Amino acid sequence: MTARTSTTPAATPEAGGHSGEEAVLDVGPVAHGGHCVARHEGRVIFVRHAIPGEKVRVRLTDAEDNAKFWRADVIEVLEASPDRVEHFWRPADSGRAWQQGRPPVGGAEFGHIALPRQRSLKADVLAEQLRRLAGVELSPAVEPVGAGTGDGGAAPDGGTGLGWRTRASFSVTPGGKLGMHAHRSGHIVPVREMPLATDAINALQLWNLDLQGIERVEVAAPANGSRPLVLLAPAPGTKAKRLAAVAAQLPGDVSVASFDPVTEDVTQLRGRTWVQESAAGHDYRVTGAGFWQIHRDAPDTLVGAVTDFLHGGGFLHAGAVVADLYAGAGLFTAVLADAVGETGSVLSVEGAPGTSRDARKNLHAAPQVEIIQGRVERVLRQKPRDFDALILDPPRAGAGKAVVGQLVAAHPRAIAYVSCDPASFARDVGYFRQSGWDLAGLRAFDLYPHTHHLETVALLAPRP
């Protein structure tokens, strides 16, 4: 249940050079990664917590003399954009955080921007990446997700962009309190709420637990209301008795397990080591930290977009030969199996052993499905075949040139490409275009409000 928007600390800010110094900047365009671009004395500075067109005072957080660019956080807004709003979460508010002598927590870096402008900035990033990396001139709108998600509409979150995360990842302070990392930092900020998470996650009140002996906490609360799961990553040397003591602090209807973040091995402490998710008319078992979309409406939204593209083009039908690559627990595989029927065939490929086992359990009643655990490039070499259609949902790094070449060599009539990163997606679209394919359709979804992330679903097809 590892969330795609989680970040592992890459560096401790203010390590040297000019870090900690202040500057006044005129903020330029948005850039991929949640920053805006500014210049100071001829040097590029990537600024977080700003909006294009503003004048701001910043604190340099990563500013070595020999660096190609510097990084900075806004500490004061001198000339505000009309799209600036009060941040909904004080620990993530850059100005307030630095007034208290600490960096803001990560994970809500667009919380100071009105939702319509957030989506327009994400659209700008997507268009720029497609133009620069793929040579495609296209400016798709980024669509809100969920019924009535017009701002202020009748969405589950009331149009606020809050309460959508069914999964969350937390760190633990040295004193054993729930916390979150600052961006690119080893600094852990204690938290007492997670406004982007669903009520079911916040109701667990994990911040009240004594988490001594724990390094990380993962929590999943399925949107269908089924039993939540809390995963505890113990610090080296933590005894079983300490893990049991942490588990005992949680409500009895919550499953608790320990897990190794490196191997993803899961050990039962209480209840189940998995959660039951529901989407597109199917139930799915997802064990431990296995991947599942984190927005409550994401699975149905993405399934709908993919099947609309494939059905609309006549690529998905009874008897078709199709594949679901980077298949996870089988979200798309189950839908493909329904569409092709018992006269068709579905190849489902997933690299993570635990997640692949989940897929086998989830698809055990579909004889037309062949599930293989392994790297996509290896499986495609070992099982060459011609496909009517493929679904491609790779991790953030994308598919890459070698896999794109293999996909083209498999001669599918179409590929539905689901991506959570506009840069790797645009790069791969460029590889497809070099191989004689074109972008035949594209939709973008705001599955991560108040962050810089977005999800795209594309239809790729060979040129006539």
Protein backbone atom coordinates (compact mmCIF):
# COMPACT_ATOMS: atom_id res chain seq x y z
CA MET A 1 0.00 0.00 0.00
CA THR A 2 2.96 2.29 -0.51
CA ALA A 3 1.67 5.59 -1.80
CA ARG A 4 2.99 7.02 -5.03
CA THR A 5 3.20 10.47 -3.56
CA SER A 6 5.40 9.40 -0.66
CA THR A 7 8.97 10.69 -0.75
CA THR A 8 12.08 9.28 0.82
CA PRO A 9 14.37 11.95 2.26
CA ALA A 10 17.18 12.61 -0.21
CA ALA A 11 19.24 15.15 1.68
CA THR A 12 19.25 17.33 4.74
CA PRO A 13 18.53 20.97 3.79
CA GLU A 14 20.87 23.81 4.59
CA ALA A 15 23.92 21.61 4.32
CA GLY A 16 26.32 24.39 3.42
CA GLY A 17 27.22 27.14 0.97
CA HIS A 18 24.58 29.85 0.99
CA SER A 19 21.90 27.65 2.59
CA GLY A 20 19.99 29.54 5.26
CA GLU A 21 20.43 32.89 3.53
CA GLU A 22 17.44 34.90 2.27
CA ALA A 23 16.68 36.52 -1.08
CA VAL A 24 13.83 38.41 -2.76
CA LEU A 25 12.72 36.81 -6.03
CA ASP A 26 10.28 37.39 -8.87
CA VAL A 27 8.67 34.00 -9.46
CA GLY A 28 8.59 32.64 -12.99
CA PRO A 29 6.84 29.61 -14.54
CA VAL A 30 5.94 26.36 -12.84
CA ALA A 31 8.36 23.45 -13.26
CA HIS A 32 7.97 19.70 -12.96
CA GLY A 33 8.40 18.53 -9.37
CA GLY A 34 6.34 21.08 -7.46
CA HIS A 35 8.62 24.08 -7.93
CA CYS A 36 8.51 27.40 -9.72
CA VAL A 37 11.53 28.82 -11.53
CA ALA A 38 13.18 32.07 -10.46
CA ARG A 39 16.57 33.67 -11.12
CA HIS A 40 18.90 35.43 -8.73
CA GLU A 41 22.16 37.01 -9.85
CA GLY A 42 22.16 34.82 -12.96
CA ARG A 43 21.50 31.57 -11.09
CA VAL A 44 18.38 29.41 -11.44
CA ILE A 45 16.51 28.81 -8.18
CA PHE A 46 13.73 26.25 -7.86
CA VAL A 47 11.24 27.75 -5.40
CA ARG A 48 8.62 25.76 -3.50
CA HIS A 49 5.39 27.22 -2.07
CA ALA A 50 5.23 30.02 -4.65
CA ILE A 51 2.88 30.84 -7.55
CA PRO A 52 4.03 32.21 -10.93
CA GLY A 53 3.96 35.99 -11.01
CA GLU A 54 4.51 36.53 -7.29
CA LYS A 55 7.29 38.46 -5.58
CA VAL A 56 8.49 36.55 -2.54
CA ARG A 57 11.16 36.41 0.09
CA VAL A 58 12.77 32.97 0.24
CA ARG A 59 15.10 30.98 2.43
CA LEU A 60 17.74 29.10 0.49
CA THR A 61 17.62 25.44 1.50
CA ASP A 62 20.11 23.84 -0.90
CA ALA A 63 22.61 26.37 -2.22
CA GLU A 64 26.14 25.08 -2.72
CA ASP A 65 28.46 27.39 -4.65
CA ASN A 66 29.22 24.78 -7.31
CA ALA A 67 25.61 23.61 -7.78
CA LYS A 68 23.95 24.09 -11.19
CA PHE A 69 20.86 25.41 -9.44
CA TRP A 70 19.68 26.23 -5.95
CA ARG A 71 16.51 25.38 -4.04
CA ALA A 72 14.47 27.64 -1.78
CA ASP A 73 11.28 27.86 0.29
CA VAL A 74 9.00 30.88 0.44
CA ILE A 75 9.04 32.53 3.87
CA GLU A 76 7.14 35.74 3.02
CA VAL A 77 4.86 36.77 0.15
CA LEU A 78 5.51 40.38 -0.88
CA GLU A 79 3.19 40.51 -3.90
CA ALA A 80 0.60 37.72 -3.87
CA SER A 81 -1.10 35.99 -6.77
CA PRO A 82 -4.91 36.28 -6.82
CA ASP A 83 -4.87 32.47 -6.72
CA ARG A 84 -3.13 32.32 -3.34
CA VAL A 85 -5.26 30.98 -0.49
CA GLU A 86 -4.57 30.27 3.16
CA HIS A 87 -2.92 26.88 3.50
CA PHE A 88 -5.28 24.29 5.01
CA TRP A 89 -2.54 22.57 7.05
CA ARG A 90 -0.26 24.57 9.34
CA PRO A 91 2.70 22.10 9.38
CA ALA A 92 2.84 22.27 5.58
CA ASP A 93 2.56 26.09 5.40
CA SER A 94 6.07 27.22 4.47
CA GLY A 95 5.89 30.73 5.92
CA ARG A 96 4.46 29.61 9.27
CA ALA A 97 6.85 26.66 9.51
CA TRP A 98 9.99 28.73 8.98
CA GLN A 99 8.72 31.32 11.46
CA GLN A 100 8.87 28.46 13.96
CA GLY A 101 12.40 27.62 12.90
CA ARG A 102 11.71 24.46 10.92
CA PRO A 103 10.97 23.40 7.34
CA PRO A 104 7.40 22.53 6.30
CA VAL A 105 6.29 18.92 5.94
CA GLY A 106 6.13 17.53 2.43
CA GLY A 107 3.10 16.11 0.69
CA ALA A 108 0.91 19.24 0.40
CA GLU A 109 3.15 21.60 -1.54
CA PHE A 110 0.26 23.12 -3.57
CA GLY A 111 -1.99 23.72 -0.56
CA HIS A 112 -1.54 27.49 -0.86
CA ILE A 113 -3.04 27.57 -4.38
CA ALA A 114 -6.74 27.64 -5.33
CA LEU A 115 -7.76 24.28 -6.81
CA PRO A 116 -8.55 25.53 -10.35
CA ARG A 117 -5.10 27.14 -10.58
CA GLN A 118 -3.48 23.97 -9.22
CA ARG A 119 -4.98 22.06 -12.13
CA SER A 120 -3.98 24.68 -14.69
CA LEU A 121 -0.38 24.58 -13.41
CA LYS A 122 -0.34 20.78 -13.67
CA ALA A 123 -1.67 21.09 -17.22
CA ASP A 124 1.14 23.53 -18.01
CA VAL A 125 3.72 21.04 -16.72
CA LEU A 126 2.24 18.19 -18.76
CA ALA A 127 2.14 20.29 -21.93
CA GLU A 128 5.73 21.45 -21.43
CA GLN A 129 7.02 17.91 -20.88
CA LEU A 130 5.21 16.62 -23.98
CA ARG A 131 6.57 19.47 -26.08
CA ARG A 132 10.14 19.18 -24.82
CA LEU A 133 10.52 15.39 -24.56
CA ALA A 134 8.10 14.04 -27.16
CA GLY A 135 7.76 16.85 -29.70
CA VAL A 136 3.98 16.86 -29.17
CA GLU A 137 2.01 20.10 -29.07
CA LEU A 138 -0.96 19.28 -26.86
CA SER A 139 -2.55 21.01 -23.87
CA PRO A 140 -5.06 18.68 -22.20
CA ALA A 141 -7.04 19.96 -19.24
CA VAL A 142 -6.46 18.27 -15.89
CA GLU A 143 -9.84 16.92 -14.82
CA PRO A 144 -11.14 16.92 -11.23
CA VAL A 145 -12.06 13.46 -9.95
CA GLY A 146 -15.29 12.29 -8.30
CA ALA A 147 -18.92 13.19 -8.87
CA GLY A 148 -19.58 16.90 -8.53
CA THR A 149 -15.93 17.88 -8.05
CA GLY A 150 -16.46 21.34 -9.35
CA ASP A 151 -14.97 23.62 -6.71
CA GLY A 152 -17.56 23.81 -3.97
CA GLY A 153 -19.63 21.04 -5.57
CA ALA A 154 -21.15 17.91 -4.07
CA ALA A 155 -17.97 15.85 -4.05
CA PRO A 156 -17.12 13.55 -1.12
CA ASP A 157 -14.57 16.17 -0.07
CA GLY A 158 -17.02 19.07 -0.55
CA GLY A 159 -14.88 20.45 -3.34
CA THR A 160 -12.01 21.16 -0.93
CA GLY A 161 -9.55 18.62 -2.33
CA LEU A 162 -9.24 17.07 1.15
CA GLY A 163 -10.03 13.63 2.57
CA TRP A 164 -9.17 11.59 -0.53
CA ARG A 165 -6.17 9.49 0.57
CA THR A 166 -7.05 5.92 1.53
CA ARG A 167 -3.36 5.26 2.19
CA ALA A 168 -0.78 7.27 4.08
CA SER A 169 2.86 6.89 5.06
CA PHE A 170 4.36 8.37 8.23
CA SER A 171 7.74 8.55 9.91
CA VAL A 172 8.40 8.53 13.63
CA THR A 173 10.24 11.19 15.65
CA PRO A 174 13.13 10.23 17.94
CA GLY A 175 10.66 10.60 20.83
CA GLY A 176 8.29 8.01 19.36
CA LYS A 177 5.64 10.36 17.95
CA LEU A 178 3.98 10.21 14.55
CA GLY A 179 5.57 12.58 12.05
CA MET A 180 6.34 13.37 8.43
CA HIS A 181 9.55 14.34 6.67
CA ALA A 182 10.21 17.79 5.34
CA HIS A 183 10.93 17.85 1.58
CA ARG A 184 14.39 16.42 0.75
CA SER A 185 15.21 16.28 4.44
CA GLY A 186 15.91 13.94 7.30
CA HIS A 187 14.02 16.32 9.60
CA ILE A 188 10.79 14.78 10.95
CA VAL A 189 7.95 17.11 11.91
CA PRO A 190 5.40 15.79 14.45
CA VAL A 191 1.83 15.80 13.07
CA ARG A 192 -1.57 15.49 14.74
CA GLU A 193 -3.72 15.19 11.63
CA MET A 194 -3.46 14.36 7.93
CA PRO A 195 -6.11 16.47 6.13
CA LEU A 196 -5.59 14.75 2.79
CA ALA A 197 -6.42 11.37 4.34
CA THR A 198 -9.89 9.92 4.73
CA ASP A 199 -11.81 10.18 7.98
CA ALA A 200 -11.15 6.48 8.57
CA ILE A 201 -7.39 7.10 8.71
CA ASN A 202 -7.61 10.18 10.90
CA ALA A 203 -10.03 8.38 13.22
CA LEU A 204 -7.21 5.98 14.16
CA GLN A 205 -5.46 8.93 15.89
CA LEU A 206 -2.05 7.44 15.25
CA TRP A 207 -0.47 10.60 16.68
CA ASN A 208 -1.60 9.54 20.16
CA LEU A 209 0.37 6.28 20.04
CA ASP A 210 3.68 5.65 21.74
CA LEU A 211 5.67 4.54 18.70
CA GLN A 212 9.06 4.04 20.33
CA GLY A 213 10.91 1.27 18.51
CA ILE A 214 9.10 2.00 15.22
CA GLU A 215 10.73 3.76 12.28
CA ARG A 216 7.81 4.03 9.86
CA VAL A 217 4.05 3.53 9.82
CA GLU A 218 1.94 2.70 6.76
CA VAL A 219 -1.84 2.72 6.97
CA ALA A 220 -4.58 1.68 4.53
CA ALA A 221 -8.30 2.27 5.04
CA PRO A 222 -10.16 0.97 1.97
CA ALA A 223 -12.79 3.24 0.45
CA ASN A 224 -15.33 0.40 0.65
CA GLY A 225 -15.21 0.60 4.46
CA SER A 226 -13.58 -2.79 4.98
CA ARG A 227 -11.09 -3.47 7.77
CA PRO A 228 -8.12 -1.04 7.91
CA LEU A 229 -4.53 -2.25 8.12
CA VAL A 230 -1.65 -0.58 9.99
CA LEU A 231 1.89 -1.67 9.10
CA LEU A 232 4.74 -1.03 11.53
CA ALA A 233 8.36 -0.96 10.35
CA PRO A 234 10.44 -1.71 13.47
CA ALA A 235 13.79 -0.13 14.18
CA PRO A 236 16.74 -2.55 14.32
CA GLY A 237 16.71 -4.45 17.58
CA THR A 238 13.05 -3.82 18.39
CA LYS A 239 11.62 -6.80 20.26
CA ALA A 240 8.33 -8.58 19.56
CA LYS A 241 7.02 -7.42 22.93
CA ARG A 242 7.39 -3.76 21.90
CA LEU A 243 5.58 -4.39 18.61
CA ALA A 244 2.75 -6.08 20.50
CA ALA A 245 2.55 -3.10 22.86
CA VAL A 246 2.14 -0.70 19.92
CA ALA A 247 -0.49 -2.92 18.31
CA ALA A 248 -2.43 -3.05 21.58
CA GLN A 249 -2.91 0.73 21.45
CA LEU A 250 -4.97 0.47 18.26
CA PRO A 251 -8.71 -0.31 18.10
CA GLY A 252 -9.55 -4.01 18.02
CA ASP A 253 -11.19 -3.89 14.59
CA VAL A 254 -7.92 -2.73 12.96
CA SER A 255 -5.48 -5.27 11.51
CA VAL A 256 -1.85 -4.73 12.52
CA ALA A 257 1.31 -6.22 11.02
CA SER A 258 5.03 -5.57 11.02
CA PHE A 259 6.86 -5.19 7.73
CA ASP A 260 10.31 -4.82 6.24
CA PRO A 261 10.34 -1.79 3.87
CA VAL A 262 13.19 -3.32 1.84
CA THR A 263 11.90 -6.86 1.32
CA GLU A 264 8.21 -5.97 1.94
CA ASP A 265 7.94 -9.12 4.06
CA VAL A 266 4.88 -8.86 6.33
CA THR A 267 4.38 -10.54 9.70
CA GLN A 268 0.94 -10.74 11.31
CA LEU A 269 0.51 -9.10 14.70
CA ARG A 270 -3.29 -9.01 14.79
CA GLY A 271 -6.03 -9.62 12.24
CA ARG A 272 -5.15 -9.78 8.54
CA THR A 273 -1.98 -8.90 6.66
CA TRP A 274 -4.04 -7.62 3.75
CA VAL A 275 -6.97 -5.33 2.92
CA GLN A 276 -9.91 -5.88 0.62
CA GLU A 277 -10.40 -3.23 -2.04
CA SER A 278 -13.31 -2.88 -4.47
CA ALA A 279 -13.41 -1.38 -7.96
CA ALA A 280 -15.15 -1.88 -11.29
CA GLY A 281 -17.41 -4.62 -9.91
CA HIS A 282 -14.58 -6.70 -8.47
CA ASP A 283 -13.01 -7.26 -5.07
CA TYR A 284 -9.23 -7.30 -4.71
CA ARG A 285 -6.96 -8.57 -1.98
CA VAL A 286 -3.89 -6.33 -1.48
CA THR A 287 -1.27 -7.64 0.93
CA GLY A 288 0.98 -5.50 3.10
CA ALA A 289 2.61 -2.65 1.22
CA GLY A 290 1.38 -3.88 -2.18
CA PHE A 291 0.45 -1.09 -4.56
CA TRP A 292 -3.08 0.28 -4.86
CA GLN A 293 -4.18 3.70 -6.08
CA ILE A 294 -4.40 6.06 -3.12
CA HIS A 295 -7.29 8.34 -4.17
CA ARG A 296 -10.64 6.85 -3.17
CA ASP A 297 -12.03 7.37 -6.70
CA ALA A 298 -8.86 6.59 -8.65
CA PRO A 299 -9.41 2.89 -9.50
CA ASP A 300 -12.83 3.40 -11.09
CA THR A 301 -11.71 6.62 -12.79
CA LEU A 302 -8.68 5.00 -14.40
CA VAL A 303 -10.51 1.82 -15.38
CA GLY A 304 -13.20 3.94 -17.01
CA ALA A 305 -10.69 6.00 -19.00
CA VAL A 306 -8.73 2.95 -20.16
CA THR A 307 -11.76 0.94 -21.23
CA ASP A 308 -13.33 3.94 -22.96
CA PHE A 309 -10.22 4.30 -25.10
CA LEU A 310 -9.90 0.58 -25.90
CA HIS A 311 -13.60 -0.15 -26.42
CA GLY A 312 -14.10 3.05 -28.40
CA GLY A 313 -11.36 2.11 -30.84
CA GLY A 314 -12.61 -1.45 -31.22
CA PHE A 315 -9.42 -2.83 -29.64
CA LEU A 316 -11.11 -4.65 -26.76
CA HIS A 317 -13.74 -7.30 -27.52
CA ALA A 318 -14.69 -10.91 -26.93
CA GLY A 319 -11.91 -13.21 -28.08
CA ALA A 320 -9.20 -10.55 -28.03
CA VAL A 321 -5.60 -11.27 -26.99
CA VAL A 322 -4.52 -8.61 -24.49
CA ALA A 323 -1.96 -7.96 -21.75
CA ASP A 324 -1.80 -6.01 -18.50
CA LEU A 325 1.80 -5.03 -17.81
CA TYR A 326 2.97 -3.84 -14.38
CA ALA A 327 -0.37 -5.30 -13.35
CA GLY A 328 -0.20 -5.00 -9.56
CA ALA A 329 -2.96 -6.90 -7.81
CA GLY A 330 -4.95 -7.14 -11.04
CA LEU A 331 -7.10 -4.00 -11.16
CA PHE A 332 -7.07 -3.81 -14.96
CA THR A 333 -6.57 -7.57 -15.45
CA ALA A 334 -10.00 -8.37 -14.02
CA VAL A 335 -11.69 -5.85 -16.29
CA LEU A 336 -9.81 -7.15 -19.33
CA ALA A 337 -10.88 -10.71 -18.48
CA ASP A 338 -14.51 -9.58 -18.42
CA ALA A 339 -14.15 -7.92 -21.81
CA VAL A 340 -12.39 -10.72 -23.72
CA GLY A 341 -14.46 -13.53 -22.19
CA GLU A 342 -13.40 -17.15 -22.05
CA THR A 343 -12.60 -17.16 -25.79
CA GLY A 344 -9.92 -14.51 -25.32
CA SER A 345 -6.71 -14.42 -23.31
CA VAL A 346 -5.09 -12.02 -20.86
CA LEU A 347 -1.41 -12.01 -19.95
CA SER A 348 -0.89 -10.29 -16.57
CA VAL A 349 2.69 -9.42 -15.57
CA GLU A 350 3.85 -8.03 -12.21
CA GLY A 351 7.36 -7.86 -10.80
CA ALA A 352 6.68 -7.84 -7.05
CA PRO A 353 6.28 -11.42 -5.77
CA GLY A 354 3.77 -10.60 -3.02
CA THR A 355 1.61 -8.48 -5.29
CA SER A 356 1.71 -11.16 -7.98
CA ARG A 357 0.46 -13.70 -5.42
CA ASP A 358 -2.42 -11.34 -4.67
CA ALA A 359 -3.23 -11.22 -8.38
CA ARG A 360 -3.38 -15.02 -8.51
CA LYS A 361 -5.86 -15.05 -5.65
CA ASN A 362 -7.90 -12.23 -7.17
CA LEU A 363 -8.08 -13.83 -10.63
CA HIS A 364 -8.26 -17.52 -9.69
CA ALA A 365 -11.74 -17.87 -11.21
CA ALA A 366 -10.72 -16.46 -14.63
CA PRO A 367 -9.25 -19.31 -16.75
CA GLN A 368 -8.47 -16.94 -19.62
CA VAL A 369 -5.89 -15.12 -17.46
CA GLU A 370 -2.23 -16.14 -17.31
CA ILE A 371 -0.41 -14.48 -14.41
CA ILE A 372 3.38 -14.31 -14.49
CA GLN A 373 5.63 -12.81 -11.84
CA GLY A 374 8.72 -11.20 -13.30
CA ARG A 375 10.18 -8.18 -15.03
CA VAL A 376 8.12 -7.05 -18.00
CA GLU A 377 11.08 -7.05 -20.39
CA ARG A 378 12.01 -10.64 -19.46
CA VAL A 379 8.47 -11.96 -19.77
CA LEU A 380 7.98 -10.32 -23.17
CA ARG A 381 11.19 -11.96 -24.41
CA GLN A 382 10.14 -15.38 -23.14
CA LYS A 383 6.54 -15.19 -24.33
CA PRO A 384 6.49 -13.37 -27.65
CA ARG A 385 3.03 -13.04 -29.15
CA ASP A 386 0.90 -10.64 -31.12
CA PHE A 387 -1.60 -8.67 -29.06
CA ASP A 388 -4.77 -6.85 -29.92
CA ALA A 389 -4.17 -4.38 -27.09
CA LEU A 390 -1.92 -3.74 -24.09
CA ILE A 391 -2.36 -1.84 -20.86
CA LEU A 392 0.82 -0.32 -19.51
CA ASP A 393 0.89 1.05 -15.94
CA PRO A 394 4.57 1.33 -14.99
CA PRO A 395 6.07 2.82 -11.83
CA ARG A 396 7.12 6.46 -11.70
CA ALA A 397 10.29 5.81 -13.71
CA GLY A 398 8.19 4.79 -16.72
CA ALA A 399 8.72 1.92 -19.14
CA GLY A 400 11.97 3.04 -20.76
CA LYS A 401 13.38 2.68 -24.26
CA ALA A 402 14.02 -1.08 -24.17
CA VAL A 403 10.50 -1.96 -23.02
CA VAL A 404 8.94 0.43 -25.53
CA GLY A 405 10.90 -1.35 -28.25
CA GLN A 406 9.60 -4.72 -27.08
CA LEU A 407 6.03 -3.45 -26.97
CA VAL A 408 6.24 -2.14 -30.51
CA ALA A 409 7.71 -5.49 -31.62
CA ALA A 410 4.69 -7.27 -30.13
CA HIS A 411 2.54 -5.59 -32.82
CA PRO A 412 -0.46 -4.58 -30.68
CA ARG A 413 -3.16 -2.59 -32.40
CA ALA A 414 -3.19 -0.14 -29.49
CA ILE A 415 -1.67 0.54 -26.07
CA ALA A 416 -3.37 2.24 -23.14
CA TYR A 417 -0.61 3.88 -21.10
CA VAL A 418 -1.39 4.88 -17.48
CA SER A 419 1.23 7.16 -15.92
CA CYS A 420 1.79 9.00 -12.65
CA ASP A 421 4.76 11.06 -13.90
CA PRO A 422 4.55 13.52 -16.82
CA ALA A 423 8.31 13.50 -17.45
CA SER A 424 8.79 9.73 -17.83
CA PHE A 425 5.49 9.53 -19.70
CA ALA A 426 6.53 12.21 -22.21
CA ARG A 427 9.92 10.57 -22.67
CA ASP A 428 8.26 7.23 -23.45
CA VAL A 429 5.81 8.89 -25.85
CA GLY A 430 8.88 10.22 -27.63
CA TYR A 431 10.24 6.66 -27.94
CA PHE A 432 6.91 5.46 -29.34
CA ARG A 433 6.86 8.30 -31.88
CA GLN A 434 10.38 7.40 -33.01
CA SER A 435 9.07 3.87 -33.64
CA GLY A 436 6.20 5.03 -35.85
CA TRP A 437 3.47 5.38 -33.25
CA ASP A 438 1.36 8.38 -32.32
CA LEU A 439 -0.57 9.69 -29.34
CA ALA A 440 -4.17 8.99 -30.35
CA GLY A 441 -5.86 10.15 -27.14
CA LEU A 442 -4.95 11.67 -23.78
CA ARG A 443 -6.76 12.47 -20.53
CA ALA A 444 -5.26 13.87 -17.33
CA PHE A 445 -6.74 13.56 -13.85
CA ASP A 446 -6.17 15.46 -10.61
CA LEU A 447 -5.89 12.37 -8.41
CA TYR A 448 -3.60 14.14 -5.95
CA PRO A 449 -5.11 17.53 -5.02
CA HIS A 450 -2.83 19.95 -3.16
CA THR A 451 0.27 18.17 -4.49
CA HIS A 452 2.08 18.65 -7.80
CA HIS A 453 1.26 15.10 -8.93
CA LEU A 454 -1.25 14.08 -11.60
CA GLU A 455 -2.24 10.92 -13.47
CA THR A 456 -2.54 10.54 -17.23
CA VAL A 457 -4.22 7.91 -19.40
CA ALA A 458 -3.12 7.84 -23.03
CA LEU A 459 -4.05 5.85 -26.10
CA LEU A 460 -1.12 5.05 -28.39
CA ALA A 461 -1.49 3.50 -31.84
CA PRO A 462 0.69 2.80 -34.88
CA ARG A 463 0.59 5.37 -37.64
CA PRO A 464 -1.54 4.24 -40.58
